N, C-alpha and C. Protein backbone atom coordinates (compact mmCIF):
# COMPACT_ATOMS: atom_id res chain seq x y z
N MET A 1 120.78 47.72 67.69
CA MET A 1 119.48 47.57 67.08
C MET A 1 118.54 46.77 67.98
N SER A 2 119.04 45.70 68.58
CA SER A 2 118.18 44.89 69.46
C SER A 2 117.80 45.66 70.72
N GLU A 3 118.68 46.55 71.16
CA GLU A 3 118.36 47.37 72.34
C GLU A 3 117.20 48.31 72.02
N MET A 4 117.20 48.88 70.82
CA MET A 4 116.12 49.78 70.41
C MET A 4 114.79 49.02 70.31
N LEU A 5 114.84 47.80 69.76
CA LEU A 5 113.65 46.98 69.65
C LEU A 5 113.10 46.64 71.03
N SER A 6 113.99 46.31 71.95
CA SER A 6 113.57 45.98 73.31
C SER A 6 112.89 47.18 73.98
N GLU A 7 113.44 48.37 73.79
CA GLU A 7 112.84 49.58 74.37
C GLU A 7 111.48 49.85 73.75
N SER A 8 111.36 49.63 72.44
CA SER A 8 110.07 49.84 71.76
C SER A 8 109.02 48.87 72.27
N GLN A 9 109.41 47.60 72.43
CA GLN A 9 108.48 46.60 72.94
C GLN A 9 108.03 46.96 74.35
N HIS A 10 108.95 47.44 75.17
CA HIS A 10 108.62 47.83 76.53
C HIS A 10 107.64 49.02 76.51
N ALA A 11 107.86 49.98 75.65
CA ALA A 11 106.99 51.15 75.55
C ALA A 11 105.58 50.75 75.12
N ILE A 12 105.49 49.83 74.17
CA ILE A 12 104.18 49.36 73.70
C ILE A 12 103.44 48.62 74.81
N LYS A 13 104.13 47.74 75.51
CA LYS A 13 103.49 47.00 76.61
C LYS A 13 103.04 47.95 77.72
N SER A 14 103.84 48.96 78.00
CA SER A 14 103.47 49.94 79.02
C SER A 14 102.24 50.73 78.59
N ALA A 15 102.20 51.14 77.34
CA ALA A 15 101.05 51.90 76.82
C ALA A 15 99.79 51.04 76.85
N GLN A 16 99.91 49.75 76.53
CA GLN A 16 98.77 48.85 76.59
C GLN A 16 98.28 48.70 78.03
N LYS A 17 99.20 48.53 78.96
CA LYS A 17 98.85 48.35 80.37
C LYS A 17 98.13 49.58 80.92
N ASN A 18 98.54 50.76 80.46
CA ASN A 18 97.94 52.00 80.93
C ASN A 18 96.67 52.37 80.16
N GLY A 19 96.27 51.55 79.19
CA GLY A 19 95.04 51.79 78.46
C GLY A 19 95.14 52.87 77.41
N VAL A 20 96.34 53.22 76.98
CA VAL A 20 96.54 54.27 75.99
C VAL A 20 96.57 53.69 74.58
N LEU A 21 96.95 52.43 74.46
CA LEU A 21 97.14 51.79 73.16
C LEU A 21 96.51 50.42 73.19
N LYS A 22 95.82 50.06 72.10
CA LYS A 22 95.27 48.71 72.02
C LYS A 22 95.45 48.19 70.60
N HIS A 23 95.44 46.87 70.48
CA HIS A 23 95.61 46.22 69.18
C HIS A 23 94.29 45.61 68.77
N GLU A 24 93.84 45.91 67.55
CA GLU A 24 92.60 45.36 67.02
C GLU A 24 92.91 44.47 65.84
N GLY A 25 92.22 43.36 65.74
CA GLY A 25 92.40 42.45 64.62
C GLY A 25 93.34 41.32 64.95
N LYS A 26 93.67 40.55 63.89
CA LYS A 26 94.57 39.41 64.04
C LYS A 26 95.98 39.88 64.32
N ASP A 27 96.78 39.00 64.90
CA ASP A 27 98.17 39.33 65.24
C ASP A 27 98.96 39.82 64.04
N ASN A 28 98.84 39.15 62.92
CA ASN A 28 99.63 39.51 61.74
C ASN A 28 98.93 40.49 60.81
N ASP A 29 97.65 40.74 61.05
CA ASP A 29 96.88 41.55 60.11
C ASP A 29 96.12 42.68 60.80
N GLY A 30 96.39 42.92 62.06
CA GLY A 30 95.65 43.92 62.80
C GLY A 30 96.31 45.29 62.74
N MET A 31 95.81 46.19 63.58
CA MET A 31 96.39 47.53 63.66
C MET A 31 96.38 48.01 65.09
N TRP A 32 97.29 48.95 65.38
CA TRP A 32 97.36 49.57 66.69
C TRP A 32 96.44 50.77 66.71
N VAL A 33 95.69 50.95 67.80
CA VAL A 33 94.76 52.06 67.94
C VAL A 33 95.12 52.82 69.21
N ILE A 34 95.24 54.13 69.07
CA ILE A 34 95.49 54.99 70.23
C ILE A 34 94.16 55.36 70.83
N VAL A 35 93.99 55.11 72.13
CA VAL A 35 92.75 55.40 72.82
C VAL A 35 92.77 56.87 73.21
N LYS A 36 91.80 57.64 72.68
CA LYS A 36 91.78 59.10 72.89
C LYS A 36 91.43 59.47 74.32
N ASN A 37 90.34 58.96 74.83
CA ASN A 37 89.87 59.36 76.14
C ASN A 37 90.11 58.22 77.12
N ASN A 38 91.02 58.44 78.04
CA ASN A 38 91.40 57.39 78.99
C ASN A 38 90.92 57.72 80.39
N VAL A 39 89.70 58.27 80.50
CA VAL A 39 89.15 58.64 81.80
C VAL A 39 88.24 57.51 82.27
N ASN A 40 88.48 57.02 83.48
CA ASN A 40 87.66 55.93 84.03
C ASN A 40 86.58 56.46 84.92
């Protein structure tokens, strides 16, 4: 179970770094948003 959590955390951090995913709002009360257009 902890291995799966670690992989999920890595995937989220990677998506954030690549600009595909961002978090809006407070840490405990926010939501994840998928960025549709990632063209710079």
